């Protein structure tokens, strides 16, 4: 039993040393970055185009909101009020019979990120600020 414990401890020590060396070699010159956008799903620019009825040239929120979800509408209104008027996006509201969700569309008409309700208002606000730049 003592021999097995000693072998296990030695293997753990070697594993940690190997991981530290691998990290030092592989991560040389790299830094960890936070993602640019924070939605529950993300798309790179140009990958997913917004439907034709979504206006181009401005940031747009496409809000699919269930008719019975008054909390969803209130949450969206609260989030948009946090933005200065010059950064507020156009909003296209569409009814849905499924889950309520938001899609954030950049000026070129590309869907960049999506959120389901309830969402973190600060993340949506931050993503809208990023897309408005």
N, C-alpha and C. Protein backbone atom coordinates (compact mmCIF):
# COMPACT_ATOMS: atom_id res chain seq x y z
N UNK A 1 0.82 -1.19 0.00
CA UNK A 1 0.00 0.00 0.00
C UNK A 1 0.87 1.26 0.00
N UNK A 2 1.94 1.25 0.81
CA UNK A 2 2.83 2.41 0.85
C UNK A 2 3.53 2.59 -0.48
N UNK A 3 3.90 1.49 -1.12
CA UNK A 3 4.58 1.58 -2.43
C UNK A 3 3.64 2.17 -3.47
N UNK A 4 2.38 1.76 -3.47
CA UNK A 4 1.41 2.28 -4.43
C UNK A 4 1.20 3.78 -4.22
N UNK A 5 1.13 4.22 -2.97
CA UNK A 5 0.97 5.63 -2.68
C UNK A 5 2.18 6.43 -3.14
N UNK A 6 3.38 5.88 -2.96
CA UNK A 6 4.60 6.56 -3.39
C UNK A 6 4.64 6.67 -4.92
N UNK A 7 4.23 5.60 -5.60
CA UNK A 7 4.22 5.62 -7.07
C UNK A 7 3.20 6.65 -7.57
N UNK A 8 2.05 6.69 -6.95
CA UNK A 8 1.02 7.64 -7.33
C UNK A 8 1.49 9.08 -7.12
N UNK A 9 2.14 9.36 -6.01
CA UNK A 9 2.65 10.70 -5.72
C UNK A 9 3.74 11.09 -6.72
N UNK A 10 4.61 10.14 -7.07
CA UNK A 10 5.67 10.43 -8.04
C UNK A 10 5.07 10.71 -9.42
N UNK A 11 4.05 9.95 -9.81
CA UNK A 11 3.40 10.16 -11.11
C UNK A 11 2.72 11.52 -11.16
N UNK A 12 2.09 11.90 -10.06
CA UNK A 12 1.43 13.21 -10.01
C UNK A 12 2.46 14.33 -10.13
N UNK A 13 3.58 14.19 -9.43
CA UNK A 13 4.62 15.21 -9.49
C UNK A 13 5.19 15.32 -10.90
N UNK A 14 5.43 14.20 -11.55
CA UNK A 14 5.94 14.21 -12.92
C UNK A 14 4.91 14.82 -13.88
N UNK A 15 3.66 14.51 -13.66
CA UNK A 15 2.61 15.07 -14.51
C UNK A 15 2.53 16.58 -14.38
N UNK A 16 2.61 17.10 -13.16
CA UNK A 16 2.57 18.54 -12.95
C UNK A 16 3.79 19.21 -13.57
N UNK A 17 4.95 18.60 -13.42
CA UNK A 17 6.17 19.16 -14.00
C UNK A 17 6.07 19.17 -15.52
N UNK A 18 5.56 18.10 -16.09
CA UNK A 18 5.39 18.03 -17.55
C UNK A 18 4.41 19.07 -18.04
N UNK A 19 3.33 19.27 -17.33
CA UNK A 19 2.34 20.27 -17.73
C UNK A 19 2.94 21.67 -17.67
N UNK A 20 3.73 21.94 -16.64
CA UNK A 20 4.36 23.26 -16.51
C UNK A 20 5.33 23.51 -17.66
N UNK A 21 6.12 22.51 -18.02
CA UNK A 21 7.06 22.66 -19.13
C UNK A 21 6.31 22.84 -20.45
N UNK A 22 5.28 22.03 -20.68
CA UNK A 22 4.50 22.14 -21.91
C UNK A 22 3.85 23.52 -22.01
N UNK A 23 3.32 24.01 -20.93
CA UNK A 23 2.70 25.34 -20.94
C UNK A 23 3.73 26.41 -21.26
N UNK A 24 4.91 26.32 -20.66
CA UNK A 24 5.95 27.31 -20.89
C UNK A 24 6.40 27.31 -22.35
N UNK A 25 6.49 26.14 -22.95
CA UNK A 25 6.95 26.03 -24.33
C UNK A 25 5.86 26.44 -25.31
N UNK A 26 4.65 25.95 -25.11
CA UNK A 26 3.56 26.19 -26.06
C UNK A 26 2.96 27.59 -25.94
N UNK A 27 2.98 28.17 -24.78
CA UNK A 27 2.34 29.47 -24.57
C UNK A 27 3.29 30.64 -24.71
N UNK A 28 4.51 30.37 -25.13
CA UNK A 28 5.50 31.44 -25.25
C UNK A 28 5.01 32.51 -26.22
N UNK A 29 4.96 33.74 -25.77
CA UNK A 29 4.57 34.84 -26.62
C UNK A 29 3.07 34.99 -26.83
N UNK A 30 2.27 34.18 -26.19
CA UNK A 30 0.82 34.32 -26.35
C UNK A 30 0.22 34.85 -25.06
N UNK A 31 -0.87 35.51 -25.19
CA UNK A 31 -1.61 35.98 -24.02
C UNK A 31 -3.05 35.54 -24.17
N UNK A 32 -3.69 35.33 -23.07
CA UNK A 32 -5.10 34.98 -23.11
C UNK A 32 -5.91 36.25 -23.27
N UNK A 33 -6.87 36.22 -24.18
CA UNK A 33 -7.73 37.37 -24.41
C UNK A 33 -9.17 37.00 -24.13
N UNK A 34 -9.90 37.96 -23.65
CA UNK A 34 -11.33 37.77 -23.50
C UNK A 34 -11.96 37.84 -24.89
N UNK A 35 -13.06 37.16 -25.11
CA UNK A 35 -13.71 37.26 -26.41
C UNK A 35 -14.22 38.68 -26.65
N UNK A 36 -14.28 39.05 -27.92
CA UNK A 36 -14.75 40.38 -28.28
C UNK A 36 -16.24 40.53 -27.94
N UNK A 37 -17.01 39.47 -28.21
CA UNK A 37 -18.45 39.48 -27.94
C UNK A 37 -18.75 38.40 -26.91
N UNK A 38 -19.86 38.55 -26.20
CA UNK A 38 -20.13 37.68 -25.05
C UNK A 38 -21.44 36.91 -25.13
N UNK A 39 -22.03 36.81 -26.29
CA UNK A 39 -23.31 36.12 -26.43
C UNK A 39 -23.21 34.63 -26.15
N UNK A 40 -24.35 33.99 -26.06
CA UNK A 40 -24.39 32.55 -25.83
C UNK A 40 -23.99 31.78 -27.08
N UNK A 41 -24.10 32.44 -28.23
CA UNK A 41 -23.63 31.89 -29.50
C UNK A 41 -23.01 33.04 -30.27
N UNK A 42 -21.89 32.77 -30.95
CA UNK A 42 -21.15 33.81 -31.66
C UNK A 42 -20.90 33.37 -33.10
N UNK A 43 -20.88 34.35 -34.01
CA UNK A 43 -20.52 34.09 -35.39
C UNK A 43 -19.50 35.14 -35.81
N UNK A 44 -18.54 34.76 -36.61
CA UNK A 44 -17.59 35.71 -37.17
C UNK A 44 -18.30 36.57 -38.21
N UNK A 45 -17.77 37.74 -38.46
CA UNK A 45 -18.34 38.62 -39.48
C UNK A 45 -18.37 37.90 -40.82
N UNK A 46 -19.49 38.02 -41.51
CA UNK A 46 -19.62 37.43 -42.83
C UNK A 46 -20.10 35.98 -42.87
N UNK A 47 -20.24 35.34 -41.72
CA UNK A 47 -20.63 33.93 -41.68
C UNK A 47 -22.14 33.75 -41.74
N UNK A 48 -22.88 34.57 -41.01
CA UNK A 48 -24.34 34.40 -40.95
C UNK A 48 -24.99 35.74 -41.27
N UNK A 49 -25.66 35.82 -42.39
CA UNK A 49 -26.29 37.07 -42.82
C UNK A 49 -27.69 37.20 -42.22
N UNK A 50 -28.03 38.41 -41.85
CA UNK A 50 -29.37 38.69 -41.31
C UNK A 50 -30.39 38.58 -42.44
N UNK A 51 -31.64 38.30 -42.09
CA UNK A 51 -32.69 38.27 -43.12
C UNK A 51 -32.78 39.60 -43.86
N UNK A 52 -33.33 39.58 -45.05
CA UNK A 52 -33.39 40.76 -45.92
C UNK A 52 -34.17 41.92 -45.29
N UNK A 53 -35.14 41.64 -44.43
CA UNK A 53 -35.95 42.72 -43.84
C UNK A 53 -35.22 43.48 -42.74
N UNK A 54 -34.02 43.04 -42.35
CA UNK A 54 -33.25 43.74 -41.31
C UNK A 54 -32.50 44.89 -41.96
N UNK A 55 -32.67 46.12 -41.45
CA UNK A 55 -32.00 47.28 -42.06
C UNK A 55 -30.48 47.16 -41.98
N UNK A 56 -29.81 47.72 -42.97
CA UNK A 56 -28.34 47.72 -43.01
C UNK A 56 -27.83 49.12 -42.66
N UNK A 57 -26.57 49.20 -42.31
CA UNK A 57 -25.96 50.50 -42.04
C UNK A 57 -25.99 50.92 -40.58
N UNK A 58 -26.73 50.19 -39.75
CA UNK A 58 -26.79 50.46 -38.31
C UNK A 58 -26.78 49.14 -37.57
N UNK A 59 -26.42 49.18 -36.31
CA UNK A 59 -26.53 48.00 -35.47
C UNK A 59 -28.01 47.73 -35.24
N UNK A 60 -28.39 46.45 -35.28
CA UNK A 60 -29.80 46.08 -35.16
C UNK A 60 -29.93 44.95 -34.15
N UNK A 61 -31.00 45.01 -33.35
CA UNK A 61 -31.39 43.90 -32.49
C UNK A 61 -32.61 43.27 -33.13
N UNK A 62 -32.51 41.98 -33.43
CA UNK A 62 -33.67 41.24 -33.89
C UNK A 62 -34.17 40.48 -32.66
N UNK A 63 -35.35 40.84 -32.20
CA UNK A 63 -35.89 40.28 -30.96
C UNK A 63 -37.08 39.38 -31.30
N UNK A 64 -36.90 38.09 -31.10
CA UNK A 64 -38.00 37.14 -31.23
C UNK A 64 -38.57 36.97 -29.83
N UNK A 65 -39.76 37.53 -29.60
CA UNK A 65 -40.31 37.55 -28.25
C UNK A 65 -41.67 36.86 -28.24
N UNK A 66 -41.80 35.91 -27.33
CA UNK A 66 -43.08 35.22 -27.16
C UNK A 66 -44.12 36.22 -26.67
N UNK A 67 -45.34 36.20 -27.21
CA UNK A 67 -46.37 37.16 -26.81
C UNK A 67 -46.63 37.17 -25.31
N UNK A 68 -46.47 36.05 -24.66
CA UNK A 68 -46.75 35.97 -23.23
C UNK A 68 -45.58 36.42 -22.35
N UNK A 69 -44.47 36.82 -22.95
CA UNK A 69 -43.28 37.14 -22.15
C UNK A 69 -43.12 38.64 -21.96
N UNK A 70 -43.90 39.20 -21.07
CA UNK A 70 -43.78 40.64 -20.79
C UNK A 70 -42.45 40.94 -20.10
N UNK A 71 -41.93 39.99 -19.34
CA UNK A 71 -40.62 40.19 -18.69
C UNK A 71 -39.52 40.31 -19.74
N UNK A 72 -39.66 39.59 -20.85
CA UNK A 72 -38.66 39.68 -21.93
C UNK A 72 -38.64 41.08 -22.52
N UNK A 73 -39.81 41.63 -22.79
CA UNK A 73 -39.89 42.99 -23.35
C UNK A 73 -39.33 44.01 -22.36
N UNK A 74 -39.64 43.84 -21.08
CA UNK A 74 -39.12 44.76 -20.06
C UNK A 74 -37.60 44.67 -19.96
N UNK A 75 -37.07 43.46 -20.03
CA UNK A 75 -35.62 43.28 -19.95
C UNK A 75 -34.93 43.94 -21.15
N UNK A 76 -35.50 43.79 -22.32
CA UNK A 76 -34.93 44.42 -23.52
C UNK A 76 -34.99 45.94 -23.41
N UNK A 77 -36.12 46.48 -23.00
CA UNK A 77 -36.24 47.94 -22.84
C UNK A 77 -35.22 48.46 -21.83
N UNK A 78 -35.07 47.77 -20.69
CA UNK A 78 -34.10 48.18 -19.68
C UNK A 78 -32.69 48.22 -20.26
N UNK A 79 -32.32 47.18 -20.98
CA UNK A 79 -30.97 47.09 -21.54
C UNK A 79 -30.71 48.21 -22.54
N UNK A 80 -31.66 48.47 -23.41
CA UNK A 80 -31.47 49.50 -24.43
C UNK A 80 -31.42 50.89 -23.83
N UNK A 81 -32.15 51.11 -22.72
CA UNK A 81 -32.11 52.42 -22.06
C UNK A 81 -30.75 52.71 -21.44
N UNK A 82 -29.93 51.68 -21.20
CA UNK A 82 -28.61 51.88 -20.60
C UNK A 82 -27.63 52.48 -21.61
N UNK A 83 -27.95 52.38 -22.89
CA UNK A 83 -27.06 52.88 -23.94
C UNK A 83 -27.34 54.35 -24.22
N UNK A 84 -26.28 55.12 -24.52
CA UNK A 84 -26.52 56.49 -24.97
C UNK A 84 -27.34 56.46 -26.27
N UNK A 85 -28.11 57.49 -26.54
CA UNK A 85 -29.00 57.53 -27.70
C UNK A 85 -28.25 57.25 -29.00
N UNK A 86 -27.03 57.75 -29.13
CA UNK A 86 -26.28 57.58 -30.38
C UNK A 86 -25.86 56.13 -30.62
N UNK A 87 -25.87 55.31 -29.57
CA UNK A 87 -25.48 53.90 -29.71
C UNK A 87 -26.67 52.95 -29.73
N UNK A 88 -27.86 53.47 -29.52
CA UNK A 88 -29.04 52.58 -29.49
C UNK A 88 -29.29 51.99 -30.86
N UNK A 89 -29.47 50.69 -30.90
CA UNK A 89 -29.69 50.03 -32.19
C UNK A 89 -31.13 50.17 -32.65
N UNK A 90 -31.34 49.90 -33.94
CA UNK A 90 -32.70 49.70 -34.42
C UNK A 90 -33.17 48.38 -33.83
N UNK A 91 -34.45 48.25 -33.59
CA UNK A 91 -34.99 47.01 -33.03
C UNK A 91 -36.07 46.48 -33.96
N UNK A 92 -35.91 45.23 -34.35
CA UNK A 92 -36.92 44.54 -35.15
C UNK A 92 -37.51 43.49 -34.22
N UNK A 93 -38.79 43.65 -33.86
CA UNK A 93 -39.47 42.70 -32.97
C UNK A 93 -40.33 41.76 -33.79
N UNK A 94 -40.15 40.49 -33.54
CA UNK A 94 -40.92 39.46 -34.25
C UNK A 94 -41.52 38.51 -33.23
N UNK A 95 -42.76 38.11 -33.42
CA UNK A 95 -43.35 37.15 -32.48
C UNK A 95 -42.78 35.75 -32.71
N UNK A 96 -42.77 34.97 -31.66
CA UNK A 96 -42.35 33.57 -31.75
C UNK A 96 -43.23 32.76 -30.82
N UNK A 97 -43.39 31.52 -31.13
CA UNK A 97 -44.13 30.62 -30.25
C UNK A 97 -43.19 29.71 -29.48
N UNK A 98 -41.89 29.89 -29.72
CA UNK A 98 -40.88 29.13 -29.00
C UNK A 98 -40.24 30.00 -27.93
N UNK A 99 -38.97 29.75 -27.67
CA UNK A 99 -38.23 30.55 -26.69
C UNK A 99 -37.92 31.92 -27.24
N UNK A 100 -37.96 32.91 -26.38
CA UNK A 100 -37.61 34.27 -26.78
C UNK A 100 -36.10 34.39 -26.89
N UNK A 101 -35.64 35.11 -27.92
CA UNK A 101 -34.19 35.28 -28.09
C UNK A 101 -33.89 36.58 -28.80
N UNK A 102 -32.62 37.01 -28.66
CA UNK A 102 -32.12 38.20 -29.32
C UNK A 102 -31.00 37.81 -30.27
N UNK A 103 -30.97 38.45 -31.43
CA UNK A 103 -29.83 38.35 -32.33
C UNK A 103 -29.29 39.76 -32.53
N UNK A 104 -27.99 39.94 -32.38
CA UNK A 104 -27.38 41.24 -32.58
C UNK A 104 -26.72 41.24 -33.94
N UNK A 105 -27.07 42.24 -34.75
CA UNK A 105 -26.63 42.31 -36.15
C UNK A 105 -25.75 43.55 -36.31
N UNK A 106 -24.59 43.37 -36.96
CA UNK A 106 -23.69 44.51 -37.17
C UNK A 106 -24.15 45.36 -38.35
N UNK A 107 -23.43 46.45 -38.62
CA UNK A 107 -23.82 47.40 -39.67
C UNK A 107 -23.85 46.80 -41.06
N UNK A 108 -23.04 45.78 -41.28
CA UNK A 108 -22.99 45.15 -42.61
C UNK A 108 -24.13 44.17 -42.83
N UNK A 109 -24.91 43.92 -41.78
CA UNK A 109 -26.02 42.99 -41.91
C UNK A 109 -25.65 41.56 -41.55
N UNK A 110 -24.57 41.39 -40.79
CA UNK A 110 -24.16 40.06 -40.35
C UNK A 110 -24.61 39.83 -38.91
N UNK A 111 -25.24 38.68 -38.67
CA UNK A 111 -25.59 38.31 -37.30
C UNK A 111 -24.29 37.94 -36.60
N UNK A 112 -24.03 38.56 -35.46
CA UNK A 112 -22.76 38.34 -34.77
C UNK A 112 -22.89 37.55 -33.48
N UNK A 113 -24.01 37.73 -32.77
CA UNK A 113 -24.15 37.03 -31.50
C UNK A 113 -25.63 36.89 -31.15
N UNK A 114 -25.93 35.92 -30.30
CA UNK A 114 -27.30 35.67 -29.90
C UNK A 114 -27.42 35.37 -28.42
N UNK A 115 -28.56 35.71 -27.88
CA UNK A 115 -28.87 35.51 -26.46
C UNK A 115 -30.28 34.96 -26.31
N UNK A 116 -30.47 34.10 -25.34
CA UNK A 116 -31.83 33.71 -24.97
C UNK A 116 -32.21 34.50 -23.71
N UNK A 117 -33.49 34.65 -23.49
CA UNK A 117 -33.98 35.32 -22.28
C UNK A 117 -34.05 34.29 -21.16
N UNK A 118 -33.77 34.65 -19.94
CA UNK A 118 -33.20 35.91 -19.50
C UNK A 118 -31.72 35.97 -19.86
N UNK A 119 -31.23 37.16 -20.09
CA UNK A 119 -29.82 37.35 -20.43
C UNK A 119 -29.20 38.34 -19.45
N UNK A 120 -27.89 38.44 -19.49
CA UNK A 120 -27.18 39.40 -18.65
C UNK A 120 -27.18 40.75 -19.38
N UNK A 121 -27.95 41.73 -18.90
CA UNK A 121 -28.04 43.01 -19.61
C UNK A 121 -26.68 43.65 -19.87
N UNK A 122 -25.74 43.52 -18.95
CA UNK A 122 -24.43 44.14 -19.16
C UNK A 122 -23.70 43.53 -20.35
N UNK A 123 -23.88 42.23 -20.59
CA UNK A 123 -23.24 41.60 -21.74
C UNK A 123 -23.86 42.08 -23.04
N UNK A 124 -25.17 42.15 -23.10
CA UNK A 124 -25.84 42.63 -24.31
C UNK A 124 -25.45 44.08 -24.57
N UNK A 125 -25.47 44.89 -23.52
CA UNK A 125 -25.08 46.30 -23.66
C UNK A 125 -23.64 46.40 -24.17
N UNK A 126 -22.74 45.63 -23.59
CA UNK A 126 -21.33 45.66 -24.02
C UNK A 126 -21.19 45.22 -25.47
N UNK A 127 -21.91 44.18 -25.87
CA UNK A 127 -21.83 43.71 -27.25
C UNK A 127 -22.38 44.76 -28.21
N UNK A 128 -23.45 45.44 -27.83
CA UNK A 128 -24.00 46.48 -28.69
C UNK A 128 -23.02 47.65 -28.82
N UNK A 129 -22.33 47.98 -27.73
CA UNK A 129 -21.31 49.02 -27.80
C UNK A 129 -20.17 48.61 -28.74
N UNK A 130 -19.76 47.35 -28.65
CA UNK A 130 -18.69 46.84 -29.51
C UNK A 130 -19.11 46.89 -30.97
N UNK A 131 -20.32 46.44 -31.27
CA UNK A 131 -20.79 46.41 -32.65
C UNK A 131 -21.03 47.81 -33.22
N UNK A 132 -21.33 48.78 -32.36
CA UNK A 132 -21.58 50.15 -32.82
C UNK A 132 -20.29 50.88 -33.17
N UNK A 133 -19.16 50.35 -32.73
CA UNK A 133 -17.88 51.02 -33.05
C UNK A 133 -17.53 50.88 -34.50
